[in-house]
Amino acid sequence: MRYELMLPHQIRKAIAENWPVALPLGVLEYHGEHMAVGMDTLAVVKTLELFEREADIVILPSFYYGAASYAVAPPEGNGSVQVGGNALASFAEELFYSLLRIGFRNVHAIIHHQTENFAAGMPTDLAFKSAGRQAIFRFLEEERGEGWWGSQAMADYYAGHAAGENFFNWVQVHPLMPAAMNGQYPFDHAGIGETSLMLALCPEAVDAGHFADNTGWYTASAPEASAELGQKGVAMILDHLRAILSA
């Protein structure tokens, strides 16, 4: 369900049943002359819409204003919007803290931007990862008081952790395309892989008539893109979403 359309009784039901709450997270960035600047976030939004058809999920309003950087192209006339990681972290902590206050304990930010380096982290995902941890610590301390972890009530913490209980999993950040997809689907920027995803998920975001206008090396393979290839990528992404978005 779209969060902005939910009524209070529906929110309470989602909390009681521990529905996953997904934040489509991305950027507005130049993706060649042939593709929309919102590609990274659109890929998350559109695959979550497909996942929503088969499972109970809360989809938060999309956040497009991540750290795009100007590494690909300068913004003038090209459209990239850059918001630095420090600013993002403050916003994200307040967002996650608010969601915890509401009662959600199964929150997931899903990003498709610079995630080939996800293990080490890049500005947007690092900001949101850090913010998630900060929000959880802040929430627990305010809810349970200082010394909450050292109290006798937490004596079974390690046993519970070994059994899979972990309140630090209340807020998580994931790449849309996991490392397991490497070698199975093209990972690129505005090339055959991303262009194919858009042809499968959001064809109005691609204009093949502008392939010839591209000059960047990273777009050279874009004319080879197809909706069929994109559907293969979508199927792998949906498998990944099924694995991480569980109640």
C-alpha atoms as a PDB file:
ATOM      1  CA  MET A   1       0.000   0.000   0.000  1.00  0.00           C
ATOM      2  CA  ARG A   2       1.106   3.550  -0.644  1.00  0.00           C
ATOM      3  CA  TYR A   3       1.738   5.121   2.751  1.00  0.00           C
ATOM      4  CA  GLU A   4       0.291   8.479   1.766  1.00  0.00           C
ATOM      5  CA  LEU A   5      -3.037   6.774   0.948  1.00  0.00           C
ATOM      6  CA  MET A   6      -3.268   4.673   4.105  1.00  0.00           C
ATOM      7  CA  LEU A   7      -5.862   5.255   6.809  1.00  0.00           C
ATOM      8  CA  PRO A   8      -4.915   4.909  10.497  1.00  0.00           C
ATOM      9  CA  HIS A   9      -6.575   1.497  10.872  1.00  0.00           C
ATOM     10  CA  GLN A  10      -4.530   0.252   7.900  1.00  0.00           C
ATOM     11  CA  ILE A  11      -1.326   1.584   9.451  1.00  0.00           C
ATOM     12  CA  ARG A  12      -2.155  -0.217  12.698  1.00  0.00           C
ATOM     13  CA  LYS A  13      -2.766  -3.445  10.791  1.00  0.00           C
ATOM     14  CA  ALA A  14       0.590  -3.105   9.004  1.00  0.00           C
ATOM     15  CA  ILE A  15       2.320  -2.560  12.356  1.00  0.00           C
ATOM     16  CA  ALA A  16       0.564  -5.506  14.011  1.00  0.00           C
ATOM     17  CA  GLU A  17       1.452  -7.820  11.128  1.00  0.00           C
ATOM     18  CA  ASN A  18       4.995  -6.420  10.780  1.00  0.00           C
ATOM     19  CA  TRP A  19       4.644  -5.558   7.117  1.00  0.00           C
ATOM     20  CA  PRO A  20       7.866  -4.441   5.444  1.00  0.00           C
ATOM     21  CA  VAL A  21       8.033  -0.687   4.943  1.00  0.00           C
ATOM     22  CA  ALA A  22      10.049   0.223   1.854  1.00  0.00           C
ATOM     23  CA  LEU A  23      11.619   3.574   1.017  1.00  0.00           C
ATOM     24  CA  PRO A  24      12.537   3.932  -2.675  1.00  0.00           C
ATOM     25  CA  LEU A  25      15.831   5.784  -2.411  1.00  0.00           C
ATOM     26  CA  GLY A  26      17.764   7.346  -5.244  1.00  0.00           C
ATOM     27  CA  VAL A  27      18.948  10.397  -7.105  1.00  0.00           C
ATOM     28  CA  LEU A  28      18.287  12.656 -10.052  1.00  0.00           C
ATOM     29  CA  GLU A  29      21.283  12.177 -12.318  1.00  0.00           C
ATOM     30  CA  TYR A  30      22.282  12.516 -15.952  1.00  0.00           C
ATOM     31  CA  HIS A  31      21.820   9.169 -17.688  1.00  0.00           C
ATOM     32  CA  GLY A  32      22.869  10.071 -21.194  1.00  0.00           C
ATOM     33  CA  GLU A  33      20.800  11.826 -23.814  1.00  0.00           C
ATOM     34  CA  HIS A  34      18.423   8.893 -24.213  1.00  0.00           C
ATOM     35  CA  MET A  35      17.202   8.290 -20.658  1.00  0.00           C
ATOM     36  CA  ALA A  36      15.349  10.096 -17.868  1.00  0.00           C
ATOM     37  CA  VAL A  37      17.335  11.615 -14.998  1.00  0.00           C
ATOM     38  CA  GLY A  38      15.203   9.749 -12.457  1.00  0.00           C
ATOM     39  CA  MET A  39      16.243   6.312 -13.721  1.00  0.00           C
ATOM     40  CA  ASP A  40      17.916   5.126 -10.503  1.00  0.00           C
ATOM     41  CA  THR A  41      14.879   5.830  -8.347  1.00  0.00           C
ATOM     42  CA  LEU A  42      12.337   4.804 -10.974  1.00  0.00           C
ATOM     43  CA  ALA A  43      13.910   1.348 -11.127  1.00  0.00           C
ATOM     44  CA  VAL A  44      13.249   0.924  -7.396  1.00  0.00           C
ATOM     45  CA  VAL A  45       9.723   2.348  -7.554  1.00  0.00           C
ATOM     46  CA  LYS A  46       8.635   0.205 -10.483  1.00  0.00           C
ATOM     47  CA  THR A  47      10.007  -3.067  -9.116  1.00  0.00           C
ATOM     48  CA  LEU A  48       8.395  -2.393  -5.716  1.00  0.00           C
ATOM     49  CA  GLU A  49       5.097  -1.848  -7.525  1.00  0.00           C
ATOM     50  CA  LEU A  50       5.486  -5.321  -9.042  1.00  0.00           C
ATOM     51  CA  PHE A  51       6.392  -6.817  -5.665  1.00  0.00           C
ATOM     52  CA  GLU A  52       3.338  -5.161  -4.129  1.00  0.00           C
ATOM     53  CA  ARG A  53       1.111  -7.333  -6.323  1.00  0.00           C
ATOM     54  CA  GLU A  54       2.227 -10.463  -4.500  1.00  0.00           C
ATOM     55  CA  ALA A  55       2.872  -9.408  -0.903  1.00  0.00           C
ATOM     56  CA  ASP A  56       1.700  -7.025   1.804  1.00  0.00           C
ATOM     57  CA  ILE A  57       4.020  -4.036   1.863  1.00  0.00           C
ATOM     58  CA  VAL A  58       3.999  -0.353   2.744  1.00  0.00           C
ATOM     59  CA  ILE A  59       5.674   1.807   0.093  1.00  0.00           C
ATOM     60  CA  LEU A  60       6.780   5.206   1.369  1.00  0.00           C
ATOM     61  CA  PRO A  61       6.874   8.272  -0.890  1.00  0.00           C
ATOM     62  CA  SER A  62      10.023   8.071  -2.985  1.00  0.00           C
ATOM     63  CA  PHE A  63      13.126  10.066  -2.059  1.00  0.00           C
ATOM     64  CA  TYR A  64      14.887  11.293  -5.206  1.00  0.00           C
ATOM     65  CA  TYR A  65      17.267  13.849  -3.696  1.00  0.00           C
ATOM     66  CA  GLY A  66      20.350  11.784  -2.875  1.00  0.00           C
ATOM     67  CA  ALA A  67      24.008  12.482  -3.542  1.00  0.00           C
ATOM     68  CA  ALA A  68      24.132  12.136  -7.314  1.00  0.00           C
ATOM     69  CA  SER A  69      27.565  13.790  -7.547  1.00  0.00           C
ATOM     70  CA  TYR A  70      28.788  15.489 -10.696  1.00  0.00           C
ATOM     71  CA  ALA A  71      31.188  12.671 -11.587  1.00  0.00           C
ATOM     72  CA  VAL A  72      29.261  11.714 -14.728  1.00  0.00           C
ATOM     73  CA  ALA A  73      28.518  15.193 -16.072  1.00  0.00           C
ATOM     74  CA  PRO A  74      28.252  18.787 -14.832  1.00  0.00           C
ATOM     75  CA  PRO A  75      24.713  19.757 -13.856  1.00  0.00           C
ATOM     76  CA  GLU A  76      24.308  22.719 -16.189  1.00  0.00           C
ATOM     77  CA  GLY A  77      21.759  21.713 -18.798  1.00  0.00           C
ATOM     78  CA  ASN A  78      22.119  18.032 -17.863  1.00  0.00           C
ATOM     79  CA  GLY A  79      19.936  17.848 -14.759  1.00  0.00           C
ATOM     80  CA  SER A  80      21.922  16.144 -12.003  1.00  0.00           C
ATOM     81  CA  VAL A  81      20.835  17.245  -8.503  1.00  0.00           C
ATOM     82  CA  GLN A  82      23.461  16.904  -5.768  1.00  0.00           C
ATOM     83  CA  VAL A  83      22.629  16.882  -2.048  1.00  0.00           C
ATOM     84  CA  GLY A  84      25.619  16.057   0.147  1.00  0.00           C
ATOM     85  CA  GLY A  85      25.786  13.126   2.521  1.00  0.00           C
ATOM     86  CA  ASN A  86      25.933  15.248   5.674  1.00  0.00           C
ATOM     87  CA  ALA A  87      22.602  16.868   4.839  1.00  0.00           C
ATOM     88  CA  LEU A  88      21.112  13.506   3.932  1.00  0.00           C
ATOM     89  CA  ALA A  89      22.129  11.892   7.220  1.00  0.00           C
ATOM     90  CA  SER A  90      20.246  14.459   9.309  1.00  0.00           C
ATOM     91  CA  PHE A  91      17.120  14.084   7.232  1.00  0.00           C
ATOM     92  CA  ALA A  92      17.307  10.293   7.203  1.00  0.00           C
ATOM     93  CA  GLU A  93      17.742  10.021  10.972  1.00  0.00           C
ATOM     94  CA  GLU A  94      14.631  12.106  11.557  1.00  0.00           C
ATOM     95  CA  LEU A  95      12.687  10.050   9.012  1.00  0.00           C
ATOM     96  CA  PHE A  96      13.707   6.691  10.472  1.00  0.00           C
ATOM     97  CA  TYR A  97      13.155   7.873  14.049  1.00  0.00           C
ATOM     98  CA  SER A  98       9.653   9.015  13.115  1.00  0.00           C
ATOM     99  CA  LEU A  99       8.856   5.643  11.520  1.00  0.00           C
ATOM    100  CA  LEU A 100      10.024   3.868  14.692  1.00  0.00           C
ATOM    101  CA  ARG A 101       7.833   6.167  16.788  1.00  0.00           C
ATOM    102  CA  ILE A 102       4.860   5.239  14.612  1.00  0.00           C
ATOM    103  CA  GLY A 103       5.527   1.588  15.414  1.00  0.00           C
ATOM    104  CA  PHE A 104       7.235   0.141  12.351  1.00  0.00           C
ATOM    105  CA  ARG A 105       9.989  -2.400  13.002  1.00  0.00           C
ATOM    106  CA  ASN A 106      10.638  -3.666   9.473  1.00  0.00           C
ATOM    107  CA  VAL A 107      11.925  -0.635   7.553  1.00  0.00           C
ATOM    108  CA  HIS A 108      13.984  -0.968   4.369  1.00  0.00           C
ATOM    109  CA  ALA A 109      15.549   1.735   2.212  1.00  0.00           C
ATOM    110  CA  ILE A 110      16.283   0.344  -1.259  1.00  0.00           C
ATOM    111  CA  ILE A 111      18.729   2.150  -3.512  1.00  0.00           C
ATOM    112  CA  HIS A 112      20.002   1.862  -7.066  1.00  0.00           C
ATOM    113  CA  HIS A 113      22.881   4.327  -7.339  1.00  0.00           C
ATOM    114  CA  GLN A 114      26.611   3.600  -7.143  1.00  0.00           C
ATOM    115  CA  THR A 115      25.771   0.243  -5.550  1.00  0.00           C
ATOM    116  CA  GLU A 116      28.584  -1.634  -7.282  1.00  0.00           C
ATOM    117  CA  ASN A 117      30.484  -0.383  -4.205  1.00  0.00           C
ATOM    118  CA  PHE A 118      27.720  -1.188  -1.726  1.00  0.00           C
ATOM    119  CA  ALA A 119      29.875  -3.234   0.677  1.00  0.00           C
ATOM    120  CA  ALA A 120      32.225  -0.271   1.187  1.00  0.00           C
ATOM    121  CA  GLY A 121      29.439   2.271   0.760  1.00  0.00           C
ATOM    122  CA  MET A 122      28.969   5.475  -1.196  1.00  0.00           C
ATOM    123  CA  PRO A 123      27.617   8.854  -0.001  1.00  0.00           C
ATOM    124  CA  THR A 124      23.863   8.228  -0.238  1.00  0.00           C
ATOM    125  CA  ASP A 125      23.709   4.692   1.127  1.00  0.00           C
ATOM    126  CA  LEU A 126      26.322   5.467   3.795  1.00  0.00           C
ATOM    127  CA  ALA A 127      24.275   8.431   5.008  1.00  0.00           C
ATOM    128  CA  PHE A 128      21.126   6.355   5.279  1.00  0.00           C
ATOM    129  CA  LYS A 129      22.902   3.370   6.860  1.00  0.00           C
ATOM    130  CA  SER A 130      24.429   5.581   9.539  1.00  0.00           C
ATOM    131  CA  ALA A 131      21.130   7.373  10.073  1.00  0.00           C
ATOM    132  CA  GLY A 132      19.329   4.080  10.601  1.00  0.00           C
ATOM    133  CA  ARG A 133      21.726   3.078  13.373  1.00  0.00           C
ATOM    134  CA  GLN A 134      21.535   6.517  14.996  1.00  0.00           C
ATOM    135  CA  ALA A 135      17.747   6.481  14.901  1.00  0.00           C
ATOM    136  CA  ILE A 136      17.574   3.044  16.513  1.00  0.00           C
ATOM    137  CA  PHE A 137      19.984   3.957  19.331  1.00  0.00           C
ATOM    138  CA  ARG A 138      18.110   7.211  19.909  1.00  0.00           C
ATOM    139  CA  PHE A 139      14.737   5.487  19.949  1.00  0.00           C
ATOM    140  CA  LEU A 140      15.821   2.711  22.317  1.00  0.00           C
ATOM    141  CA  GLU A 141      17.462   5.119  24.756  1.00  0.00           C
ATOM    142  CA  GLU A 142      14.443   7.385  24.837  1.00  0.00           C
ATOM    143  CA  GLU A 143      12.039   4.443  25.152  1.00  0.00           C
ATOM    144  CA  ARG A 144      14.011   2.371  27.691  1.00  0.00           C
ATOM    145  CA  GLY A 145      16.283   4.916  29.341  1.00  0.00           C
ATOM    146  CA  GLU A 146      20.044   5.113  29.696  1.00  0.00           C
ATOM    147  CA  GLY A 147      21.675   1.794  30.500  1.00  0.00           C
ATOM    148  CA  TRP A 148      18.943  -0.115  28.683  1.00  0.00           C
ATOM    149  CA  TRP A 149      21.356  -2.623  27.139  1.00  0.00           C
ATOM    150  CA  GLY A 150      23.101  -3.295  30.431  1.00  0.00           C
ATOM    151  CA  SER A 151      19.879  -3.919  32.329  1.00  0.00           C
ATOM    152  CA  GLN A 152      18.883  -7.387  33.533  1.00  0.00           C
ATOM    153  CA  ALA A 153      16.044  -7.378  31.000  1.00  0.00           C
ATOM    154  CA  MET A 154      18.672  -7.740  28.248  1.00  0.00           C
ATOM    155  CA  ALA A 155      20.420 -10.759  29.823  1.00  0.00           C
ATOM    156  CA  ASP A 156      19.291 -12.978  26.931  1.00  0.00           C
ATOM    157  CA  TYR A 157      20.557 -10.536  24.276  1.00  0.00           C
ATOM    158  CA  TYR A 158      23.255 -12.798  22.839  1.00  0.00           C
ATOM    159  CA  ALA A 159      21.032 -15.871  22.838  1.00  0.00           C
ATOM    160  CA  GLY A 160      18.331 -13.926  21.066  1.00  0.00           C
ATOM    161  CA  HIS A 161      20.826 -12.478  18.623  1.00  0.00           C
ATOM    162  CA  ALA A 162      22.047 -15.984  17.754  1.00  0.00           C
ATOM    163  CA  ALA A 163      18.430 -16.963  17.101  1.00  0.00           C
ATOM    164  CA  GLY A 164      17.999 -14.102  14.647  1.00  0.00           C
ATOM    165  CA  GLU A 165      16.500 -11.450  16.921  1.00  0.00           C
ATOM    166  CA  ASN A 166      18.183  -8.112  16.314  1.00  0.00           C
ATOM    167  CA  PHE A 167      16.581  -4.712  16.826  1.00  0.00           C
ATOM    168  CA  PHE A 168      19.344  -3.199  14.718  1.00  0.00           C
ATOM    169  CA  ASN A 169      17.558  -4.845  11.786  1.00  0.00           C
ATOM    170  CA  TRP A 170      14.542  -2.622  12.378  1.00  0.00           C
ATOM    171  CA  VAL A 171      16.040  -0.276   9.771  1.00  0.00           C
ATOM    172  CA  GLN A 172      18.103  -1.632   6.884  1.00  0.00           C
ATOM    173  CA  VAL A 173      19.496  -0.332   3.589  1.00  0.00           C
ATOM    174  CA  HIS A 174      19.774  -2.606   0.544  1.00  0.00           C
ATOM    175  CA  PRO A 175      20.934  -2.320  -3.055  1.00  0.00           C
ATOM    176  CA  LEU A 176      18.234  -2.963  -5.654  1.00  0.00           C
ATOM    177  CA  MET A 177      20.664  -5.210  -7.529  1.00  0.00           C
ATOM    178  CA  PRO A 178      22.548  -7.493  -5.110  1.00  0.00           C
ATOM    179  CA  ALA A 179      26.132  -8.636  -5.620  1.00  0.00           C
ATOM    180  CA  ALA A 180      24.780 -12.056  -6.636  1.00  0.00           C
ATOM    181  CA  MET A 181      23.576 -10.468  -9.896  1.00  0.00           C
ATOM    182  CA  ASN A 182      27.130  -9.580 -10.934  1.00  0.00           C
ATOM    183  CA  GLY A 183      28.000 -11.579 -14.013  1.00  0.00           C
ATOM    184  CA  GLN A 184      24.366 -12.538 -14.541  1.00  0.00           C
ATOM    185  CA  TYR A 185      23.060  -9.132 -15.599  1.00  0.00           C
ATOM    186  CA  PRO A 186      24.929  -6.086 -16.962  1.00  0.00           C
ATOM    187  CA  PHE A 187      25.720  -3.584 -14.217  1.00  0.00           C
ATOM    188  CA  ASP A 188      26.379  -0.196 -15.779  1.00  0.00           C
ATOM    189  CA  HIS A 189      25.405   3.442 -15.937  1.00  0.00           C
ATOM    190  CA  ALA A 190      23.006   4.287 -18.775  1.00  0.00           C
ATOM    191  CA  GLY A 191      24.322   1.388 -20.846  1.00  0.00           C
ATOM    192  CA  ILE A 192      22.647  -1.813 -21.965  1.00  0.00           C
ATOM    193  CA  GLY A 193      21.782  -2.918 -18.431  1.00  0.00           C
ATOM    194  CA  GLU A 194      20.069   0.176 -17.081  1.00  0.00           C
ATOM    195  CA  THR A 195      18.480   1.042 -20.404  1.00  0.00           C
ATOM    196  CA  SER A 196      17.020  -2.463 -20.624  1.00  0.00           C
ATOM    197  CA  LEU A 197      15.608  -2.162 -17.111  1.00  0.00           C
ATOM    198  CA  MET A 198      13.841   1.044 -18.080  1.00  0.00           C
ATOM    199  CA  LEU A 199      12.512  -0.476 -21.295  1.00  0.00           C
ATOM    200  CA  ALA A 200      10.988  -3.255 -19.200  1.00  0.00           C
ATOM    201  CA  LEU A 201       9.782  -1.177 -16.269  1.00  0.00           C
ATOM    202  CA  CYS A 202       9.172   2.354 -17.543  1.00  0.00           C
ATOM    203  CA  PRO A 203       9.571   2.584 -21.338  1.00  0.00           C
ATOM    204  CA  GLU A 204       8.496   6.223 -21.385  1.00  0.00           C
ATOM    205  CA  ALA A 205      11.796   7.013 -19.650  1.00  0.00           C
ATOM    206  CA  VAL A 206      13.778   5.956 -22.754  1.00  0.00           C
ATOM    207  CA  ASP A 207      13.933   7.667 -26.150  1.00  0.00           C
ATOM    208  CA  ALA A 208      15.863   5.552 -28.656  1.00  0.00           C
ATOM    209  CA  GLY A 209      15.842   8.496 -31.027  1.00  0.00           C
ATOM    210  CA  HIS A 210      18.563  10.102 -28.914  1.00  0.00           C
ATOM    211  CA  PHE A 211      21.003   7.191 -28.768  1.00  0.00           C
ATOM    212  CA  ALA A 212      23.056   8.862 -31.490  1.00  0.00           C
ATOM    213  CA  ASP A 213      23.359  12.038 -29.404  1.00  0.00           C
ATOM    214  CA  ASN A 214      25.377  10.303 -26.695  1.00  0.00           C
ATOM    215  CA  THR A 215      29.095  10.918 -26.472  1.00  0.00           C
ATOM    216  CA  GLY A 216      30.009   9.258 -23.171  1.00  0.00           C
ATOM    217  CA  TRP A 217      31.800   5.890 -23.145  1.00  0.00           C
ATOM    218  CA  TYR A 218      29.305   4.572 -20.601  1.00  0.00           C
ATOM    219  CA  THR A 219      26.384   4.875 -23.022  1.00  0.00           C
ATOM    220  CA  ALA A 220      28.069   3.039 -25.911  1.00  0.00           C
ATOM    221  CA  SER A 221      26.165  -0.213 -25.276  1.00  0.00           C
ATOM    222  CA  ALA A 222      22.751   1.451 -24.776  1.00  0.00           C
ATOM    223  CA  PRO A 223      21.527   0.820 -28.377  1.00  0.00           C
ATOM    224  CA  GLU A 224      21.851  -2.931 -27.649  1.00  0.00           C
ATOM    225  CA  ALA A 225      19.254  -2.707 -24.869  1.00  0.00           C
ATOM    226  CA  SER A 226      15.957  -4.572 -25.026  1.00  0.00           C
ATOM    227  CA  ALA A 227      12.868  -5.009 -22.897  1.00  0.00           C
ATOM    228  CA  GLU A 228      13.485  -8.775 -22.985  1.00  0.00           C
ATOM    229  CA  LEU A 229      16.875  -8.396 -21.327  1.00  0.00           C
ATOM    230  CA  GLY A 230      15.346  -5.943 -18.868  1.00  0.00           C
ATOM    231  CA  GLN A 231      12.701  -8.499 -17.880  1.00  0.00           C
ATOM    232  CA  LYS A 232      15.456 -10.956 -16.978  1.00  0.00           C
ATOM    233  CA  GLY A 233      16.946  -8.350 -14.675  1.00  0.00           C
ATOM    234  CA  VAL A 234      13.539  -7.572 -13.174  1.00  0.00           C
ATOM    235  CA  ALA A 235      12.998 -11.267 -12.390  1.00  0.00           C
ATOM    236  CA  MET A 236      16.321 -11.417 -10.522  1.00  0.00           C
ATOM    237  CA  ILE A 237      15.539  -8.212  -8.634  1.00  0.00           C
ATOM    238  CA  LEU A 238      12.129  -9.569  -7.587  1.00  0.00           C
ATOM    239  CA  ASP A 239      13.810 -12.698  -6.216  1.00  0.00           C
ATOM    240  CA  HIS A 240      16.072 -10.408  -4.199  1.00  0.00           C
ATOM    241  CA  LEU A 241      13.114  -8.381  -2.888  1.00  0.00           C
ATOM    242  CA  ARG A 242      11.345 -11.570  -1.830  1.00  0.00           C
ATOM    243  CA  ALA A 243      14.402 -12.535   0.199  1.00  0.00           C
ATOM    244  CA  ILE A 244      14.859  -9.219   2.027  1.00  0.00           C
ATOM    245  CA  LEU A 245      11.278  -7.964   2.441  1.00  0.00           C
ATOM    246  CA  SER A 246       9.843 -10.522   4.807  1.00  0.00           C
ATOM    247  CA  ALA A 247       7.431  -9.923   7.674  1.00  0.00           C
END
